[in-house]
């Protein structure tokens, strides 16, 4: 797998699913479900799903994750 430079790809404010899960303190499956139900924004680049950090912060502030 080639190294991906987030800056070159325009993904500075995005995290991988694993990073997002650690950030929220949940499992990866929960992050995938949040994406599926459109609670957080994401972008797919190849096989990698990138989650928008801003939408994670918004979701966390909403209090929907207990």
C-alpha atoms as a PDB file:
ATOM      1  CA  UNK A   1       0.000   0.000   0.000  1.00  0.00           C
ATOM      2  CA  UNK A   2       1.421   3.342  -1.026  1.00  0.00           C
ATOM      3  CA  UNK A   3       1.812   6.146   1.478  1.00  0.00           C
ATOM      4  CA  UNK A   4      -0.977   8.710   1.129  1.00  0.00           C
ATOM      5  CA  UNK A   5      -0.147  12.344   1.751  1.00  0.00           C
ATOM      6  CA  UNK A   6      -3.328  13.864   3.160  1.00  0.00           C
ATOM      7  CA  UNK A   7      -2.239  17.364   2.176  1.00  0.00           C
ATOM      8  CA  UNK A   8      -1.783  16.443  -1.482  1.00  0.00           C
ATOM      9  CA  UNK A   9      -5.115  14.626  -1.505  1.00  0.00           C
ATOM     10  CA  UNK A  10      -6.983  17.537   0.145  1.00  0.00           C
ATOM     11  CA  UNK A  11      -7.793  15.424   3.200  1.00  0.00           C
ATOM     12  CA  UNK A  12      -6.200  17.525   5.936  1.00  0.00           C
ATOM     13  CA  UNK A  13      -9.392  17.598   7.996  1.00  0.00           C
ATOM     14  CA  UNK A  14     -10.231  13.915   7.488  1.00  0.00           C
ATOM     15  CA  UNK A  15      -9.472  10.774   9.514  1.00  0.00           C
ATOM     16  CA  UNK A  16      -9.515   7.089   8.710  1.00  0.00           C
ATOM     17  CA  UNK A  17     -12.309   5.016  10.250  1.00  0.00           C
ATOM     18  CA  UNK A  18      -9.886   3.600  12.841  1.00  0.00           C
ATOM     19  CA  UNK A  19      -8.701   7.105  13.791  1.00  0.00           C
ATOM     20  CA  UNK A  20     -12.309   8.325  14.001  1.00  0.00           C
ATOM     21  CA  UNK A  21     -13.244   5.395  16.233  1.00  0.00           C
ATOM     22  CA  UNK A  22     -10.379   6.165  18.622  1.00  0.00           C
ATOM     23  CA  UNK A  23     -11.316   9.863  18.553  1.00  0.00           C
ATOM     24  CA  UNK A  24     -14.927   9.097  19.539  1.00  0.00           C
ATOM     25  CA  UNK A  25     -14.040   6.237  21.877  1.00  0.00           C
ATOM     26  CA  UNK A  26     -16.137   3.690  19.992  1.00  0.00           C
ATOM     27  CA  UNK A  27     -15.512   0.712  17.725  1.00  0.00           C
ATOM     28  CA  UNK A  28     -15.018   0.926  13.964  1.00  0.00           C
ATOM     29  CA  UNK A  29     -18.405  -0.698  13.364  1.00  0.00           C
ATOM     30  CA  UNK A  30     -20.136   2.254  15.053  1.00  0.00           C
ATOM     31  CA  UNK A  31     -18.277   4.689  12.780  1.00  0.00           C
ATOM     32  CA  UNK A  32     -19.343   2.711   9.695  1.00  0.00           C
ATOM     33  CA  UNK A  33     -22.946   2.798  10.953  1.00  0.00           C
ATOM     34  CA  UNK A  34     -22.786   6.559  11.529  1.00  0.00           C
ATOM     35  CA  UNK A  35     -21.592   6.967   7.944  1.00  0.00           C
ATOM     36  CA  UNK A  36     -24.276   4.600   6.626  1.00  0.00           C
ATOM     37  CA  UNK A  37     -27.047   6.502   8.435  1.00  0.00           C
ATOM     38  CA  UNK A  38     -25.545   9.840   7.280  1.00  0.00           C
ATOM     39  CA  UNK A  39     -24.850  11.099  10.805  1.00  0.00           C
ATOM     40  CA  UNK A  40     -21.268  11.983   9.818  1.00  0.00           C
ATOM     41  CA  UNK A  41     -19.771  12.989   6.473  1.00  0.00           C
ATOM     42  CA  UNK A  42     -17.222  10.865   4.678  1.00  0.00           C
ATOM     43  CA  UNK A  43     -15.388  10.498   1.391  1.00  0.00           C
ATOM     44  CA  UNK A  44     -14.158   7.311  -0.222  1.00  0.00           C
ATOM     45  CA  UNK A  45     -10.777   7.444  -1.962  1.00  0.00           C
ATOM     46  CA  UNK A  46     -10.046   4.063  -3.479  1.00  0.00           C
ATOM     47  CA  UNK A  47     -10.617   1.498  -0.763  1.00  0.00           C
ATOM     48  CA  UNK A  48     -10.168   3.944   2.117  1.00  0.00           C
ATOM     49  CA  UNK A  49     -13.114   5.673   3.766  1.00  0.00           C
ATOM     50  CA  UNK A  50     -12.151   9.093   5.125  1.00  0.00           C
ATOM     51  CA  UNK A  51     -14.321  10.672   7.833  1.00  0.00           C
ATOM     52  CA  UNK A  52     -14.633  14.450   8.151  1.00  0.00           C
ATOM     53  CA  UNK A  53     -13.295  15.562  11.548  1.00  0.00           C
ATOM     54  CA  UNK A  54     -15.637  18.560  11.597  1.00  0.00           C
ATOM     55  CA  UNK A  55     -18.671  16.311  11.304  1.00  0.00           C
ATOM     56  CA  UNK A  56     -17.289  14.141  14.128  1.00  0.00           C
ATOM     57  CA  UNK A  57     -17.037  17.235  16.320  1.00  0.00           C
ATOM     58  CA  UNK A  58     -20.588  18.287  15.387  1.00  0.00           C
ATOM     59  CA  UNK A  59     -21.897  14.819  16.138  1.00  0.00           C
ATOM     60  CA  UNK A  60     -20.107  14.730  19.480  1.00  0.00           C
ATOM     61  CA  UNK A  61     -21.489  18.163  20.452  1.00  0.00           C
ATOM     62  CA  UNK A  62     -25.014  17.059  19.538  1.00  0.00           C
ATOM     63  CA  UNK A  63     -24.932  14.660  22.492  1.00  0.00           C
ATOM     64  CA  UNK A  64     -26.208  11.751  20.406  1.00  0.00           C
ATOM     65  CA  UNK A  65     -23.259   9.626  21.452  1.00  0.00           C
ATOM     66  CA  UNK A  66     -23.536   8.711  25.101  1.00  0.00           C
END
